[in-house]
Structure formats: C-alpha cells, structure tokens
N, C-alpha and C. Protein backbone atom coordinates (compact mmCIF):
# COMPACT_ATOMS: atom_id res chain seq x y z
N MET A 1 -36.95 -13.31 57.17
CA MET A 1 -36.29 -12.03 56.88
C MET A 1 -35.02 -11.73 57.62
N ARG A 2 -34.85 -12.36 58.83
CA ARG A 2 -33.54 -12.28 59.58
C ARG A 2 -32.68 -13.20 58.84
N PHE A 3 -33.10 -14.22 58.25
CA PHE A 3 -32.09 -15.20 57.73
C PHE A 3 -31.60 -14.65 56.45
N ALA A 4 -32.47 -13.99 55.63
CA ALA A 4 -32.03 -13.32 54.38
C ALA A 4 -31.02 -12.35 54.66
N SER A 5 -31.26 -11.48 55.60
CA SER A 5 -30.47 -10.28 55.97
C SER A 5 -29.09 -10.82 56.41
N ARG A 6 -29.02 -11.94 56.95
CA ARG A 6 -27.70 -12.39 57.55
C ARG A 6 -26.69 -12.82 56.29
N PHE A 7 -27.40 -13.03 55.15
CA PHE A 7 -26.45 -13.42 54.11
C PHE A 7 -26.26 -12.36 52.98
N ALA A 8 -27.01 -11.27 53.30
CA ALA A 8 -26.88 -10.22 52.23
C ALA A 8 -25.40 -9.54 52.31
N LEU A 9 -24.97 -9.25 53.40
CA LEU A 9 -23.73 -8.70 53.52
C LEU A 9 -22.61 -9.52 52.97
N PRO A 10 -22.44 -10.86 53.29
CA PRO A 10 -21.44 -11.69 52.55
C PRO A 10 -21.59 -11.68 51.07
N ARG A 11 -22.90 -11.71 50.49
CA ARG A 11 -22.97 -11.81 49.07
C ARG A 11 -22.53 -10.47 48.66
N PHE A 12 -22.79 -9.25 49.28
CA PHE A 12 -22.40 -8.04 48.66
C PHE A 12 -20.75 -7.97 48.79
N ALA A 13 -20.21 -8.60 49.90
CA ALA A 13 -18.71 -8.48 49.93
C ALA A 13 -18.08 -9.56 48.92
N LEU A 14 -18.75 -10.59 48.52
CA LEU A 14 -18.26 -11.48 47.56
C LEU A 14 -18.36 -10.79 46.02
N ALA A 15 -19.33 -9.90 45.82
CA ALA A 15 -19.53 -9.35 44.61
C ALA A 15 -18.37 -8.38 44.54
N ALA A 16 -18.10 -7.45 45.64
CA ALA A 16 -17.13 -6.39 45.63
C ALA A 16 -15.72 -7.20 45.49
N LEU A 17 -15.48 -8.15 46.06
CA LEU A 17 -14.27 -8.98 45.96
C LEU A 17 -13.97 -9.39 44.44
N ALA A 18 -15.21 -9.88 43.87
CA ALA A 18 -15.01 -10.41 42.42
C ALA A 18 -14.67 -9.10 41.55
N ALA A 19 -15.34 -8.06 41.86
CA ALA A 19 -15.08 -6.80 41.02
C ALA A 19 -13.59 -6.34 41.10
N LEU A 20 -13.03 -6.34 42.29
CA LEU A 20 -11.73 -6.00 42.48
C LEU A 20 -10.75 -7.05 41.91
N SER A 21 -11.17 -8.37 41.95
CA SER A 21 -10.29 -9.30 41.27
C SER A 21 -10.10 -9.18 39.86
N LEU A 22 -11.49 -8.86 39.24
CA LEU A 22 -11.44 -8.53 37.69
C LEU A 22 -10.69 -7.27 37.34
N SER A 23 -10.73 -6.31 38.20
CA SER A 23 -9.92 -5.14 37.83
C SER A 23 -8.50 -5.38 38.10
N GLY A 24 -8.05 -6.23 38.99
CA GLY A 24 -6.57 -6.61 39.01
C GLY A 24 -6.35 -7.60 37.89
N CYS A 25 -7.28 -8.10 37.15
CA CYS A 25 -6.76 -8.92 36.11
C CYS A 25 -6.82 -8.17 34.82
N GLY A 26 -6.74 -6.84 34.89
CA GLY A 26 -6.63 -5.99 33.59
C GLY A 26 -7.88 -6.07 32.75
N ILE A 27 -8.91 -6.20 33.48
CA ILE A 27 -10.17 -6.24 32.80
C ILE A 27 -10.49 -4.86 31.93
N ASN A 28 -10.02 -3.73 32.54
CA ASN A 28 -10.01 -2.29 31.96
C ASN A 28 -8.92 -1.93 31.09
N SER A 29 -7.83 -2.56 31.27
CA SER A 29 -6.71 -2.19 30.67
C SER A 29 -6.54 -2.66 29.23
N ILE A 30 -7.33 -4.00 28.96
CA ILE A 30 -7.22 -4.47 27.73
C ILE A 30 -8.07 -3.74 26.66
N PRO A 31 -9.42 -3.46 26.95
CA PRO A 31 -9.95 -2.64 25.90
C PRO A 31 -9.55 -1.33 25.72
N THR A 32 -8.83 -0.56 26.87
CA THR A 32 -8.11 0.69 26.62
C THR A 32 -6.97 0.49 25.60
N ALA A 33 -6.20 -0.50 25.79
CA ALA A 33 -5.15 -0.60 24.97
C ALA A 33 -5.49 -0.91 23.53
N GLU A 34 -6.62 -1.75 23.43
CA GLU A 34 -7.18 -1.98 22.06
C GLU A 34 -7.70 -0.79 21.31
N GLU A 35 -8.41 0.05 21.95
CA GLU A 35 -9.01 1.13 21.26
C GLU A 35 -7.76 2.24 20.97
N ALA A 36 -6.88 2.29 21.77
CA ALA A 36 -5.69 3.07 21.61
C ALA A 36 -5.06 2.67 20.20
N ALA A 37 -4.90 1.31 20.06
CA ALA A 37 -4.28 0.86 18.81
C ALA A 37 -5.15 1.14 17.57
N LYS A 38 -6.26 0.92 17.89
CA LYS A 38 -7.37 1.23 16.68
C LYS A 38 -7.28 2.63 16.25
N ALA A 39 -7.26 3.58 17.25
CA ALA A 39 -7.09 4.91 16.85
C ALA A 39 -5.84 5.27 16.01
N LYS A 40 -4.69 4.62 16.41
CA LYS A 40 -3.49 5.01 15.63
C LYS A 40 -3.41 4.25 14.21
N TRP A 41 -4.23 3.27 14.23
CA TRP A 41 -4.44 2.62 12.86
C TRP A 41 -5.29 3.54 11.89
N ALA A 42 -6.31 4.14 12.42
CA ALA A 42 -7.07 5.30 11.80
C ALA A 42 -5.98 6.34 11.28
N ASP A 43 -5.01 6.50 11.93
CA ASP A 43 -4.04 7.76 11.67
C ASP A 43 -3.10 7.19 10.50
N VAL A 44 -3.07 5.87 10.56
CA VAL A 44 -2.16 5.24 9.44
C VAL A 44 -2.78 5.31 8.25
N GLN A 45 -3.95 4.98 8.06
CA GLN A 45 -4.83 4.93 6.95
C GLN A 45 -5.05 6.30 6.42
N ALA A 46 -5.30 7.20 7.33
CA ALA A 46 -5.46 8.72 6.89
C ALA A 46 -4.15 9.20 6.16
N ALA A 47 -2.95 8.94 6.66
CA ALA A 47 -1.78 9.21 6.12
C ALA A 47 -1.52 8.59 4.74
N PHE A 48 -1.82 7.32 4.61
CA PHE A 48 -1.78 6.64 3.20
C PHE A 48 -2.77 7.32 2.33
N GLN A 49 -3.84 7.52 2.77
CA GLN A 49 -4.91 8.08 1.95
C GLN A 49 -4.44 9.50 1.35
N GLU A 50 -3.98 10.30 2.34
CA GLU A 50 -3.40 11.70 1.81
C GLU A 50 -2.25 11.60 0.85
N ARG A 51 -1.41 10.51 0.97
CA ARG A 51 -0.44 10.28 0.09
C ARG A 51 -1.19 9.95 -1.43
N ALA A 52 -2.08 8.99 -1.29
CA ALA A 52 -2.69 8.67 -2.66
C ALA A 52 -3.38 9.83 -3.20
N ASN A 53 -3.94 10.72 -2.54
CA ASN A 53 -4.61 11.86 -3.13
C ASN A 53 -3.55 12.79 -3.68
N LEU A 54 -2.45 12.79 -3.32
CA LEU A 54 -1.32 13.45 -4.05
C LEU A 54 -1.08 13.06 -5.42
N ILE A 55 -1.06 11.91 -5.62
CA ILE A 55 -0.47 11.16 -6.88
C ILE A 55 -1.10 11.82 -8.13
N PRO A 56 -2.42 12.03 -8.14
CA PRO A 56 -2.80 12.51 -9.44
C PRO A 56 -2.28 13.76 -9.69
N ASN A 57 -2.12 14.74 -8.76
CA ASN A 57 -1.30 15.93 -9.05
C ASN A 57 0.08 15.88 -9.45
N LEU A 58 0.69 14.79 -9.01
CA LEU A 58 2.07 14.44 -9.46
C LEU A 58 2.22 14.19 -10.84
N ALA A 59 1.13 13.21 -11.17
CA ALA A 59 1.05 12.62 -12.66
C ALA A 59 0.82 13.78 -13.55
N ALA A 60 0.03 14.74 -13.14
CA ALA A 60 -0.59 16.01 -14.06
C ALA A 60 0.57 16.74 -14.30
N VAL A 61 1.48 17.10 -13.19
CA VAL A 61 2.56 17.96 -13.36
C VAL A 61 3.77 17.36 -14.31
N ALA A 62 3.91 15.97 -14.11
CA ALA A 62 4.92 15.40 -15.03
C ALA A 62 4.49 14.99 -16.24
N LYS A 63 3.16 14.99 -16.63
CA LYS A 63 2.60 14.20 -17.85
C LYS A 63 3.36 14.51 -18.98
N GLY A 64 3.47 15.93 -19.16
CA GLY A 64 4.27 16.53 -20.54
C GLY A 64 5.72 16.11 -20.43
N ALA A 65 6.39 16.12 -19.38
CA ALA A 65 7.65 15.58 -19.46
C ALA A 65 8.04 14.05 -19.51
N ALA A 66 7.05 13.43 -19.23
CA ALA A 66 7.18 11.84 -19.09
C ALA A 66 6.53 11.01 -20.30
N ASP A 67 6.54 11.80 -21.49
CA ASP A 67 6.00 11.04 -22.67
C ASP A 67 6.81 9.76 -22.93
N GLN A 68 7.99 9.91 -22.88
CA GLN A 68 8.86 8.72 -23.19
C GLN A 68 8.87 7.71 -22.17
N GLU A 69 8.37 7.95 -20.91
CA GLU A 69 8.22 7.00 -19.81
C GLU A 69 6.88 6.67 -19.48
N LYS A 70 6.04 6.55 -20.23
CA LYS A 70 4.53 6.29 -19.93
C LYS A 70 4.34 5.01 -19.00
N GLY A 71 5.26 4.04 -19.10
CA GLY A 71 5.05 2.86 -18.35
C GLY A 71 5.28 3.01 -16.83
N ILE A 72 6.13 4.08 -16.61
CA ILE A 72 6.40 4.30 -15.10
C ILE A 72 5.07 4.98 -14.62
N LEU A 73 4.55 5.99 -15.33
CA LEU A 73 3.27 6.68 -14.88
C LEU A 73 2.18 5.67 -14.79
N VAL A 74 2.12 4.92 -15.69
CA VAL A 74 0.89 3.77 -15.56
C VAL A 74 1.28 3.01 -14.32
N GLY A 75 2.48 2.59 -14.12
CA GLY A 75 2.80 1.69 -12.97
C GLY A 75 2.26 2.34 -11.56
N VAL A 76 2.53 3.69 -11.55
CA VAL A 76 2.25 4.51 -10.37
C VAL A 76 0.75 4.47 -10.29
N THR A 77 0.09 4.90 -11.37
CA THR A 77 -1.33 4.83 -11.29
C THR A 77 -2.09 3.53 -11.03
N GLU A 78 -1.51 2.46 -11.50
CA GLU A 78 -2.12 1.16 -11.18
C GLU A 78 -1.79 0.81 -9.76
N ALA A 79 -0.63 0.89 -9.19
CA ALA A 79 -0.35 0.67 -7.86
C ALA A 79 -1.19 1.53 -6.80
N ARG A 80 -1.33 2.74 -7.27
CA ARG A 80 -2.30 3.74 -6.48
C ARG A 80 -3.66 2.96 -6.35
N ALA A 81 -4.25 2.57 -7.43
CA ALA A 81 -5.57 2.09 -7.54
C ALA A 81 -5.71 0.91 -6.70
N LYS A 82 -4.67 0.03 -6.79
CA LYS A 82 -4.74 -1.23 -5.93
C LYS A 82 -4.67 -0.74 -4.38
N ALA A 83 -3.73 -0.08 -4.28
CA ALA A 83 -3.53 0.35 -2.69
C ALA A 83 -4.64 1.00 -1.92
N THR A 84 -5.49 1.78 -2.81
CA THR A 84 -6.64 2.51 -2.35
C THR A 84 -7.84 1.52 -2.37
N SER A 85 -7.76 0.45 -3.00
CA SER A 85 -8.92 -0.51 -2.98
C SER A 85 -8.88 -1.44 -1.78
N ILE A 86 -7.81 -1.71 -1.30
CA ILE A 86 -7.61 -2.45 0.09
C ILE A 86 -7.77 -1.60 1.33
N GLN A 87 -8.92 -1.91 2.01
CA GLN A 87 -9.28 -1.30 3.39
C GLN A 87 -9.22 -2.21 4.37
N ILE A 88 -8.67 -1.79 5.53
CA ILE A 88 -8.66 -2.58 6.66
C ILE A 88 -9.55 -2.10 7.83
N SER A 89 -10.49 -2.79 8.33
CA SER A 89 -11.15 -2.55 9.33
C SER A 89 -10.47 -2.61 10.68
N ALA A 90 -11.05 -2.14 11.85
CA ALA A 90 -10.50 -2.28 13.10
C ALA A 90 -10.58 -3.86 13.45
N GLU A 91 -11.46 -4.66 13.19
CA GLU A 91 -11.44 -6.12 13.36
C GLU A 91 -10.37 -6.74 12.57
N ASP A 92 -9.90 -6.26 11.37
CA ASP A 92 -8.99 -6.97 10.47
C ASP A 92 -7.51 -6.77 11.08
N LEU A 93 -7.54 -5.90 12.14
CA LEU A 93 -6.06 -5.57 12.65
C LEU A 93 -5.70 -7.03 13.31
N LYS A 94 -6.36 -7.94 13.44
CA LYS A 94 -6.04 -9.17 14.18
C LYS A 94 -5.91 -10.32 13.12
N ASP A 95 -6.05 -9.90 11.70
CA ASP A 95 -6.11 -11.00 10.77
C ASP A 95 -4.82 -10.78 10.11
N PRO A 96 -3.70 -11.69 9.97
CA PRO A 96 -2.46 -11.41 9.41
C PRO A 96 -2.60 -11.34 7.93
N ALA A 97 -3.32 -12.37 7.38
CA ALA A 97 -3.67 -12.32 5.96
C ALA A 97 -4.15 -10.93 5.29
N LYS A 98 -5.21 -10.46 5.94
CA LYS A 98 -5.58 -9.07 5.49
C LYS A 98 -4.74 -8.06 5.74
N MET A 99 -3.85 -7.90 6.69
CA MET A 99 -2.80 -6.99 7.01
C MET A 99 -1.84 -7.26 6.04
N LYS A 100 -1.52 -8.42 5.71
CA LYS A 100 -0.42 -8.53 4.66
C LYS A 100 -0.66 -8.02 3.37
N ALA A 101 -2.01 -8.11 2.70
CA ALA A 101 -2.36 -7.74 1.69
C ALA A 101 -2.47 -6.24 1.51
N PHE A 102 -2.74 -5.67 2.78
CA PHE A 102 -2.77 -4.12 2.90
C PHE A 102 -1.19 -3.65 2.68
N GLN A 103 -0.26 -4.22 3.46
CA GLN A 103 1.08 -3.86 3.39
C GLN A 103 1.71 -4.10 2.00
N ASP A 104 1.37 -5.14 1.41
CA ASP A 104 1.88 -5.53 0.19
C ASP A 104 1.66 -4.30 -0.92
N ALA A 105 0.34 -3.99 -0.82
CA ALA A 105 -0.09 -3.05 -1.78
C ALA A 105 0.34 -1.67 -1.60
N GLN A 106 0.45 -1.33 -0.31
CA GLN A 106 1.05 0.09 0.03
C GLN A 106 2.72 0.04 -0.28
N ASN A 107 3.35 -1.11 -0.07
CA ASN A 107 4.72 -1.24 -0.38
C ASN A 107 5.01 -1.14 -1.89
N GLN A 108 3.92 -1.60 -2.67
CA GLN A 108 4.18 -1.55 -4.31
C GLN A 108 4.13 -0.26 -4.69
N LEU A 109 3.07 0.53 -4.00
CA LEU A 109 3.03 1.96 -4.41
C LEU A 109 4.12 2.74 -4.15
N SER A 110 4.72 2.42 -2.93
CA SER A 110 5.89 3.14 -2.43
C SER A 110 7.21 2.73 -3.39
N SER A 111 7.29 1.49 -3.97
CA SER A 111 8.28 1.29 -4.83
C SER A 111 7.92 2.04 -6.22
N SER A 112 6.74 2.02 -6.50
CA SER A 112 6.31 2.66 -7.77
C SER A 112 6.75 4.25 -7.76
N LEU A 113 6.40 4.74 -6.77
CA LEU A 113 6.72 6.28 -6.38
C LEU A 113 8.26 6.50 -6.53
N GLY A 114 8.93 5.50 -6.04
CA GLY A 114 10.53 5.87 -5.83
C GLY A 114 10.97 5.59 -7.35
N GLY A 115 10.50 4.75 -8.16
CA GLY A 115 10.86 4.76 -9.57
C GLY A 115 10.56 6.00 -10.41
N PHE A 116 9.27 6.43 -10.01
CA PHE A 116 8.74 7.73 -10.70
C PHE A 116 9.65 8.92 -10.22
N GLY A 117 10.00 8.98 -9.02
CA GLY A 117 10.82 10.06 -8.41
C GLY A 117 12.23 9.99 -9.03
N ARG A 118 12.70 8.73 -9.16
CA ARG A 118 14.05 8.76 -9.94
C ARG A 118 14.09 9.30 -11.43
N LEU A 119 13.00 8.95 -11.95
CA LEU A 119 12.73 9.46 -13.36
C LEU A 119 12.85 10.97 -13.52
N LEU A 120 11.93 11.67 -12.50
CA LEU A 120 11.78 13.09 -12.55
C LEU A 120 13.15 13.83 -12.18
N ALA A 121 13.94 12.97 -11.18
CA ALA A 121 15.16 13.65 -10.82
C ALA A 121 16.05 13.71 -12.02
N ASN A 122 15.90 13.30 -12.91
CA ASN A 122 16.95 13.24 -14.19
C ASN A 122 16.84 14.68 -14.62
N ALA A 123 17.47 15.63 -14.21
CA ALA A 123 17.46 16.93 -14.64
C ALA A 123 17.87 17.34 -16.24
N GLU A 124 18.72 16.18 -16.65
CA GLU A 124 19.25 16.39 -18.07
C GLU A 124 17.97 16.05 -19.03
N ALA A 125 17.13 15.12 -18.65
CA ALA A 125 16.05 14.78 -19.46
C ALA A 125 14.89 15.79 -19.19
N TYR A 126 14.81 16.33 -18.16
CA TYR A 126 13.68 17.14 -17.76
C TYR A 126 13.79 18.34 -16.81
N PRO A 127 14.74 19.23 -17.41
CA PRO A 127 15.31 20.35 -16.59
C PRO A 127 14.29 21.23 -16.35
N GLU A 128 13.31 21.36 -17.13
CA GLU A 128 12.14 22.30 -16.93
C GLU A 128 11.26 22.03 -15.64
N LEU A 129 11.24 20.69 -15.24
CA LEU A 129 10.57 20.45 -14.13
C LEU A 129 10.98 21.10 -12.78
N LYS A 130 12.37 21.39 -12.68
CA LYS A 130 12.88 22.08 -11.55
C LYS A 130 12.43 23.24 -11.28
N SER A 131 12.01 24.07 -12.39
CA SER A 131 11.67 25.43 -12.35
C SER A 131 10.06 25.58 -12.20
N ILE A 132 9.32 24.52 -12.23
CA ILE A 132 7.84 24.60 -12.24
C ILE A 132 7.30 24.75 -10.83
N THR A 133 6.79 25.80 -10.45
CA THR A 133 6.60 26.14 -8.94
C THR A 133 5.53 25.02 -8.56
N ASN A 134 4.56 24.59 -9.43
CA ASN A 134 3.77 23.52 -8.79
C ASN A 134 4.51 22.21 -8.51
N TYR A 135 5.41 21.92 -9.21
CA TYR A 135 6.16 20.84 -9.07
C TYR A 135 7.03 20.68 -7.66
N GLN A 136 7.66 22.04 -7.56
CA GLN A 136 8.29 22.18 -6.33
C GLN A 136 7.58 22.09 -5.06
N MET A 137 6.38 22.62 -5.27
CA MET A 137 5.39 22.58 -4.09
C MET A 137 4.94 21.11 -3.72
N LEU A 138 4.59 20.28 -4.78
CA LEU A 138 4.00 18.94 -4.87
C LEU A 138 5.23 18.17 -4.22
N GLN A 139 6.57 18.43 -4.57
CA GLN A 139 7.79 17.66 -4.03
C GLN A 139 7.71 17.83 -2.54
N SER A 140 7.65 19.03 -2.11
CA SER A 140 7.42 19.33 -0.78
C SER A 140 6.54 18.69 0.19
N GLN A 141 5.31 18.73 -0.56
CA GLN A 141 4.01 17.79 0.13
C GLN A 141 4.33 16.55 0.11
N LEU A 142 4.85 15.81 -0.78
CA LEU A 142 5.05 14.42 -0.94
C LEU A 142 6.01 13.99 0.21
N GLU A 143 7.07 14.82 0.43
CA GLU A 143 8.05 14.54 1.32
C GLU A 143 7.50 14.67 2.72
N GLY A 144 6.77 15.78 2.97
CA GLY A 144 6.01 15.84 4.35
C GLY A 144 5.22 14.75 4.59
N GLN A 145 4.35 14.21 3.65
CA GLN A 145 3.48 12.99 3.76
C GLN A 145 4.22 11.85 4.04
N GLU A 146 5.39 11.70 3.44
CA GLU A 146 5.88 10.43 3.68
C GLU A 146 6.48 10.49 5.14
N ASN A 147 6.81 11.59 5.62
CA ASN A 147 7.31 11.64 7.17
C ASN A 147 6.13 11.37 7.94
N ARG A 148 4.88 11.78 7.54
CA ARG A 148 3.78 11.63 8.48
C ARG A 148 3.34 10.06 8.43
N ILE A 149 3.48 9.48 7.31
CA ILE A 149 3.34 8.14 7.34
C ILE A 149 4.30 7.24 8.33
N ARG A 150 5.59 7.59 8.22
CA ARG A 150 6.46 7.01 8.96
C ARG A 150 6.14 7.18 10.52
N VAL A 151 5.73 8.33 10.95
CA VAL A 151 5.44 8.60 12.30
C VAL A 151 4.13 7.80 12.57
N ALA A 152 3.19 7.89 11.74
CA ALA A 152 1.82 7.14 12.02
C ALA A 152 2.19 5.56 12.19
N LEU A 153 3.04 5.04 11.38
CA LEU A 153 3.35 3.83 11.41
C LEU A 153 4.11 3.32 12.71
N ARG A 154 5.14 4.23 13.23
CA ARG A 154 5.73 3.99 14.45
C ARG A 154 4.80 3.99 15.65
N ASP A 155 3.78 5.05 15.63
CA ASP A 155 2.77 5.01 16.68
C ASP A 155 1.99 3.89 16.77
N TYR A 156 1.59 3.54 15.61
CA TYR A 156 0.63 2.30 15.48
C TYR A 156 1.34 1.08 16.03
N ASN A 157 2.46 0.80 15.55
CA ASN A 157 3.18 -0.38 16.25
C ASN A 157 3.57 -0.26 17.67
N GLY A 158 3.73 0.85 18.08
CA GLY A 158 3.84 0.93 19.49
C GLY A 158 2.74 0.79 20.19
N ALA A 159 1.53 1.24 19.72
CA ALA A 159 0.35 0.95 20.44
C ALA A 159 -0.12 -0.73 20.42
N VAL A 160 0.29 -1.43 19.23
CA VAL A 160 -0.03 -2.81 19.02
C VAL A 160 1.04 -3.55 20.05
N GLN A 161 2.17 -3.10 20.18
CA GLN A 161 3.10 -3.67 21.07
C GLN A 161 2.69 -3.63 22.50
N GLN A 162 1.93 -2.57 23.09
CA GLN A 162 1.45 -2.22 24.22
C GLN A 162 0.22 -3.20 24.44
N TYR A 163 -0.66 -3.23 23.51
CA TYR A 163 -1.85 -4.02 23.52
C TYR A 163 -1.33 -5.72 23.73
N ASN A 164 -0.56 -6.01 22.96
CA ASN A 164 -0.11 -7.45 22.88
C ASN A 164 0.59 -7.85 24.18
N THR A 165 1.29 -7.02 24.64
CA THR A 165 1.94 -7.27 25.83
C THR A 165 0.93 -7.29 27.10
N THR A 166 -0.11 -6.49 26.98
CA THR A 166 -1.10 -6.55 28.14
C THR A 166 -1.85 -7.86 28.02
N ILE A 167 -2.26 -8.39 26.93
CA ILE A 167 -3.04 -9.65 26.77
C ILE A 167 -2.18 -10.82 27.09
N ARG A 168 -0.75 -10.72 26.97
CA ARG A 168 -0.06 -11.83 27.10
C ARG A 168 0.67 -11.81 28.56
N THR A 169 0.58 -11.06 29.31
CA THR A 169 1.31 -10.79 30.61
C THR A 169 0.36 -10.84 31.80
N PHE A 170 0.78 -11.16 32.96
CA PHE A 170 0.01 -11.30 34.14
C PHE A 170 -0.10 -9.71 34.71
N PRO A 171 -1.24 -9.20 35.16
CA PRO A 171 -2.46 -10.02 35.36
C PRO A 171 -3.53 -9.94 34.04
N GLY A 172 -2.91 -9.08 33.14
CA GLY A 172 -3.85 -8.94 31.91
C GLY A 172 -4.31 -10.15 31.26
N VAL A 173 -3.39 -11.28 31.21
CA VAL A 173 -3.72 -12.35 30.52
C VAL A 173 -4.96 -13.10 30.94
N ILE A 174 -5.23 -12.95 32.23
CA ILE A 174 -6.46 -13.72 32.94
C ILE A 174 -7.73 -12.97 32.33
N GLY A 175 -7.84 -11.64 32.38
CA GLY A 175 -8.94 -10.92 31.73
C GLY A 175 -9.05 -11.27 30.22
N ALA A 176 -7.95 -11.31 29.51
CA ALA A 176 -7.77 -11.41 28.01
C ALA A 176 -8.45 -12.94 27.65
N THR A 177 -8.04 -13.83 28.65
CA THR A 177 -8.56 -15.28 28.44
C THR A 177 -9.86 -15.38 28.81
N VAL A 178 -10.12 -15.16 30.14
CA VAL A 178 -11.50 -15.47 30.72
C VAL A 178 -12.66 -14.52 30.11
N ILE A 179 -12.44 -13.26 30.12
CA ILE A 179 -13.45 -12.22 29.67
C ILE A 179 -13.51 -12.00 28.15
N TYR A 180 -12.38 -11.65 27.59
CA TYR A 180 -12.45 -11.21 26.17
C TYR A 180 -12.11 -12.09 25.03
N GLY A 181 -11.34 -13.20 25.46
CA GLY A 181 -11.01 -13.95 24.32
C GLY A 181 -10.11 -13.30 23.35
N ALA A 182 -9.32 -12.49 23.92
CA ALA A 182 -8.62 -11.38 23.07
C ALA A 182 -7.41 -12.15 22.27
N LYS A 183 -7.38 -11.64 21.01
CA LYS A 183 -6.28 -11.98 19.97
C LYS A 183 -5.24 -11.12 19.83
N PRO A 184 -4.03 -11.31 19.62
CA PRO A 184 -3.06 -10.31 19.29
C PRO A 184 -3.40 -9.63 18.00
N MET A 185 -2.69 -8.23 18.18
CA MET A 185 -3.06 -7.40 16.95
C MET A 185 -1.75 -7.57 16.04
N VAL A 186 -1.87 -7.28 14.75
CA VAL A 186 -0.77 -7.46 13.87
C VAL A 186 -0.21 -6.32 13.53
N PRO A 187 1.32 -6.18 13.86
CA PRO A 187 1.96 -4.91 13.69
C PRO A 187 2.12 -4.60 12.24
N TYR A 188 2.53 -3.44 11.93
CA TYR A 188 2.74 -3.17 10.44
C TYR A 188 4.23 -3.67 10.05
N GLN A 189 4.16 -4.64 9.19
CA GLN A 189 5.66 -5.20 8.94
C GLN A 189 5.67 -5.25 7.30
N ALA A 190 6.81 -5.76 6.95
CA ALA A 190 6.92 -5.90 5.46
C ALA A 190 8.01 -6.94 5.23
N VAL A 191 8.22 -7.24 3.87
CA VAL A 191 8.98 -8.67 3.52
C VAL A 191 10.32 -8.15 3.75
N THR A 192 10.80 -7.01 3.32
CA THR A 192 12.01 -6.58 3.32
C THR A 192 12.27 -5.69 4.55
N PRO A 193 13.38 -5.86 5.35
CA PRO A 193 13.73 -4.91 6.49
C PRO A 193 13.49 -3.51 6.28
N GLY A 194 12.87 -2.76 7.28
CA GLY A 194 12.72 -1.36 7.00
C GLY A 194 11.73 -0.82 6.15
N ALA A 195 11.09 -1.86 5.50
CA ALA A 195 10.09 -1.20 4.41
C ALA A 195 8.79 -0.89 5.13
N GLU A 196 8.61 -1.25 6.43
CA GLU A 196 7.56 -0.48 7.18
C GLU A 196 7.70 0.86 7.42
N VAL A 197 8.83 1.41 7.21
CA VAL A 197 9.16 2.95 7.32
C VAL A 197 8.95 3.42 5.78
N ALA A 198 8.08 4.30 5.71
CA ALA A 198 7.80 4.87 4.39
C ALA A 198 8.96 5.61 3.76
N PRO A 199 9.27 5.36 2.49
CA PRO A 199 10.64 5.85 1.96
C PRO A 199 10.58 7.33 1.95
N SER A 200 11.79 7.83 2.13
CA SER A 200 11.80 9.49 1.84
C SER A 200 11.85 9.78 0.42
N LEU A 201 11.38 10.78 0.03
CA LEU A 201 11.48 11.28 -1.40
C LEU A 201 12.63 12.23 -1.63
N GLU A 202 13.25 12.55 -0.48
CA GLU A 202 14.38 13.58 -0.64
C GLU A 202 15.44 13.06 -1.41
N GLY A 203 15.87 13.89 -2.46
CA GLY A 203 16.89 13.43 -3.23
C GLY A 203 16.40 12.58 -4.49
N LYS A 204 15.17 12.32 -4.44
CA LYS A 204 14.59 11.46 -5.58
C LYS A 204 13.62 12.28 -6.53
N LEU A 205 13.14 13.21 -5.89
CA LEU A 205 12.20 14.05 -6.84
C LEU A 205 12.93 15.35 -7.16
C-alpha cells in the first residue's frame, strides 16, 4: 500500500502535465475553428437556397414578356435545377472536387441570372415590366439576396482561413497531426477572379 501511494502522486502529476501539453498544442482550438467554419457554410447554403427559391417567381413575372426569349428562361430554370441538386455536407468541405462541382453549378446559375436580368432591363422591348409592382418587389428581393450571398461567402472564407491557419501553425499543428489527423478546408473559389462574390443585379434588372 505504501509503495502504491508513493507513485500515485507522480502519475497524477504526469496526467496533469499531459493535459496541459495537449491544451497548449491547440487540441481545443481545432474543433472550435472547424465548427465555426461549418456554421458559416450552413449560412452560405441557406443564402444560395433562398436565391433559388426566388427564381420561379422571377420566371412567372417575366413569362409573358419573354415569349421571344424562351431560351434564356429555360437556361435559368435548368441552371437552377442543377445548382439545387448539388448539396455539400460538412465533411465535403475538405473535398476540393465536390466543392468545385458546387461552385461551378452556382456560378452557372449566377451567369444565367445575369443574362436574364439584361434581357428584362431592355425597357424598349418590355417597358411594361418597370411598372409591375411584383416585378419591382422581386427585383429588390434579388438584389438583397445577392448581397447576403456575398456576405455569407466572405464570412465562410474567413472562418476557413482561421481553421486552416490553426492546423498548419504551431502549436495547433501538433494537435492537428497527432490527435485529429485534420485536413484543410476548401475556401469558396471560382475559375474567374472575383466570381466567388455573387454578382449584383443592380442596373441589370
């Protein structure tokens, strides 16, 4: 009994030292940063979904005026269907291929919306649209939604940068390697510079 008690304190001290060492290696900061990035991604998905939800209303308002340009309307509808069919889970945020597929689909929808907006902005062809209350309200909603997308993407990229920096720098890199086997998250990027920022519809609709 005396022999066991003589070694109880050293073992306790070693356990406490190990806990402090792990804490110093960023063991808590890594999951905290990861969960923050996941939460910001949820905001991105919600913002894109809200934009997609507005598109059927846009199509309904413009349907009568766009009889000569049905190809553009079909393009927007198809781009929306593709964009909403690709979903990214929290684990997919570390998969560059899946993130690229999502980004490409959203960028295609943004491009289609831009073309559709330019069509409707042709006041000579469709002057009646400017006086339709529903159109004016929808225009304002889309512009506001594009701004929310831009803010959500900025916040997500900031959280990803924080997480990636944590797992790559001392002391977090120790916990990331030894405890979590952490992998970098993928920021929201695009093929063309600035495409990660959702386009403004101001002056287009």
